[in-house]
């Protein structure tokens, strides 16, 4: 399965990391076996776990 959005996401992630906003915590993870819609359940779960940990 191709990860067609990665060429667009990678520069965005790099920009966020370079700007180093005060108080902004950022985590990025790819799920190589999923498309955009298929990654939503796992993404929501991981995101909520990160926010409320």
N, C-alpha and C. Protein backbone atom coordinates (compact mmCIF):
# COMPACT_ATOMS: atom_id res chain seq x y z
N UNK A 1 0.85 -1.18 0.00
CA UNK A 1 0.00 0.00 0.00
C UNK A 1 0.89 1.24 0.00
N UNK A 2 0.62 2.17 -0.86
CA UNK A 2 1.47 3.35 -0.95
C UNK A 2 1.06 4.39 0.10
N UNK A 3 2.02 5.16 0.52
CA UNK A 3 1.77 6.22 1.48
C UNK A 3 1.81 7.54 0.72
N UNK A 4 0.75 7.81 -0.06
CA UNK A 4 0.72 8.91 -1.01
C UNK A 4 0.77 10.29 -0.38
N UNK A 5 0.39 10.44 0.87
CA UNK A 5 0.37 11.77 1.48
C UNK A 5 1.70 12.15 2.11
N UNK A 6 2.61 11.20 2.26
CA UNK A 6 3.87 11.48 2.94
C UNK A 6 4.66 12.63 2.32
N UNK A 7 4.72 12.78 1.00
CA UNK A 7 5.46 13.92 0.45
C UNK A 7 4.90 15.28 0.90
N UNK A 8 3.65 15.34 1.27
CA UNK A 8 3.04 16.59 1.73
C UNK A 8 3.19 16.76 3.24
N UNK A 9 3.14 15.67 3.96
CA UNK A 9 3.19 15.73 5.42
C UNK A 9 4.61 15.98 5.92
N UNK A 10 5.59 15.36 5.31
CA UNK A 10 6.96 15.47 5.78
C UNK A 10 7.45 16.93 5.85
N UNK A 11 7.26 17.75 4.81
CA UNK A 11 7.68 19.16 4.93
C UNK A 11 6.92 19.93 6.02
N UNK A 12 5.63 19.62 6.19
CA UNK A 12 4.83 20.26 7.22
C UNK A 12 5.38 19.93 8.61
N UNK A 13 5.70 18.67 8.84
CA UNK A 13 6.28 18.24 10.12
C UNK A 13 7.61 18.96 10.35
N UNK A 14 8.44 19.02 9.32
CA UNK A 14 9.72 19.72 9.43
C UNK A 14 9.56 21.18 9.80
N UNK A 15 8.58 21.84 9.20
CA UNK A 15 8.31 23.25 9.50
C UNK A 15 7.91 23.42 10.96
N UNK A 16 7.01 22.58 11.44
CA UNK A 16 6.59 22.68 12.84
C UNK A 16 7.76 22.47 13.79
N UNK A 17 8.61 21.50 13.49
CA UNK A 17 9.75 21.22 14.35
C UNK A 17 10.76 22.37 14.34
N UNK A 18 10.98 22.97 13.19
CA UNK A 18 11.95 24.07 13.09
C UNK A 18 11.48 25.33 13.81
N UNK A 19 10.20 25.57 13.82
CA UNK A 19 9.68 26.81 14.44
C UNK A 19 9.77 26.79 15.95
N UNK A 20 9.80 25.60 16.54
CA UNK A 20 10.04 25.44 17.97
C UNK A 20 9.19 26.40 18.81
N UNK A 21 7.88 26.37 18.60
CA UNK A 21 6.97 27.24 19.34
C UNK A 21 7.04 26.94 20.84
N UNK A 22 7.10 27.99 21.64
CA UNK A 22 7.15 27.83 23.09
C UNK A 22 5.88 27.14 23.59
N UNK A 23 6.05 26.11 24.39
CA UNK A 23 4.92 25.40 24.98
C UNK A 23 4.19 24.45 24.05
N UNK A 24 4.64 24.35 22.80
CA UNK A 24 3.97 23.49 21.83
C UNK A 24 4.68 22.14 21.78
N UNK A 25 3.98 21.09 22.13
CA UNK A 25 4.53 19.74 22.08
C UNK A 25 3.94 19.05 20.88
N UNK A 26 4.78 18.40 20.11
CA UNK A 26 4.35 17.82 18.84
C UNK A 26 4.87 16.40 18.72
N UNK A 27 3.99 15.48 18.39
CA UNK A 27 4.38 14.09 18.14
C UNK A 27 3.87 13.71 16.76
N UNK A 28 4.68 12.97 16.03
CA UNK A 28 4.33 12.57 14.67
C UNK A 28 4.66 11.10 14.49
N UNK A 29 3.73 10.39 13.91
CA UNK A 29 3.92 8.95 13.69
C UNK A 29 3.19 8.55 12.42
N UNK A 30 3.79 7.68 11.64
CA UNK A 30 3.10 7.16 10.46
C UNK A 30 2.63 5.74 10.75
N UNK A 31 1.57 5.36 10.09
CA UNK A 31 1.06 3.99 10.17
C UNK A 31 1.13 3.45 8.75
N UNK A 32 2.22 2.79 8.40
CA UNK A 32 2.47 2.44 7.00
C UNK A 32 1.45 1.51 6.36
N UNK A 33 0.70 0.78 7.13
CA UNK A 33 -0.27 -0.16 6.55
C UNK A 33 -1.65 0.45 6.35
N UNK A 34 -1.80 1.74 6.62
CA UNK A 34 -3.12 2.37 6.55
C UNK A 34 -3.14 3.54 5.56
N UNK A 35 -4.31 3.77 5.02
CA UNK A 35 -4.54 4.99 4.26
C UNK A 35 -5.02 6.05 5.25
N UNK A 36 -5.32 7.23 4.76
CA UNK A 36 -5.74 8.34 5.62
C UNK A 36 -6.94 7.94 6.49
N UNK A 37 -7.98 7.45 5.88
CA UNK A 37 -9.18 7.08 6.63
C UNK A 37 -8.97 5.89 7.55
N UNK A 38 -8.16 4.94 7.14
CA UNK A 38 -7.91 3.76 7.94
C UNK A 38 -7.08 4.03 9.18
N UNK A 39 -6.35 5.12 9.17
CA UNK A 39 -5.50 5.46 10.31
C UNK A 39 -6.25 6.21 11.40
N UNK A 40 -7.47 6.62 11.12
CA UNK A 40 -8.21 7.46 12.08
C UNK A 40 -8.44 6.80 13.43
N UNK A 41 -8.93 5.57 13.53
CA UNK A 41 -9.16 5.00 14.86
C UNK A 41 -7.88 4.94 15.71
N UNK A 42 -6.82 4.43 15.12
CA UNK A 42 -5.56 4.36 15.85
C UNK A 42 -4.98 5.73 16.15
N UNK A 43 -5.15 6.64 15.20
CA UNK A 43 -4.66 8.01 15.39
C UNK A 43 -5.37 8.73 16.52
N UNK A 44 -6.70 8.59 16.54
CA UNK A 44 -7.47 9.22 17.62
C UNK A 44 -7.07 8.64 18.97
N UNK A 45 -6.94 7.34 19.02
CA UNK A 45 -6.58 6.68 20.28
C UNK A 45 -5.21 7.14 20.75
N UNK A 46 -4.23 7.15 19.85
CA UNK A 46 -2.87 7.58 20.22
C UNK A 46 -2.86 9.05 20.61
N UNK A 47 -3.61 9.87 19.88
CA UNK A 47 -3.65 11.29 20.19
C UNK A 47 -4.25 11.58 21.56
N UNK A 48 -5.36 10.93 21.86
CA UNK A 48 -5.98 11.14 23.16
C UNK A 48 -5.10 10.62 24.30
N UNK A 49 -4.44 9.50 24.07
CA UNK A 49 -3.52 8.97 25.08
C UNK A 49 -2.37 9.94 25.33
N UNK A 50 -1.88 10.58 24.28
CA UNK A 50 -0.79 11.54 24.41
C UNK A 50 -1.26 12.79 25.17
N UNK A 51 -2.42 13.29 24.81
CA UNK A 51 -2.93 14.52 25.42
C UNK A 51 -3.25 14.33 26.90
N UNK A 52 -3.84 13.19 27.24
CA UNK A 52 -4.31 12.98 28.61
C UNK A 52 -3.37 12.11 29.44
N UNK A 53 -2.17 11.88 28.97
CA UNK A 53 -1.21 11.06 29.73
C UNK A 53 -0.62 11.84 30.88
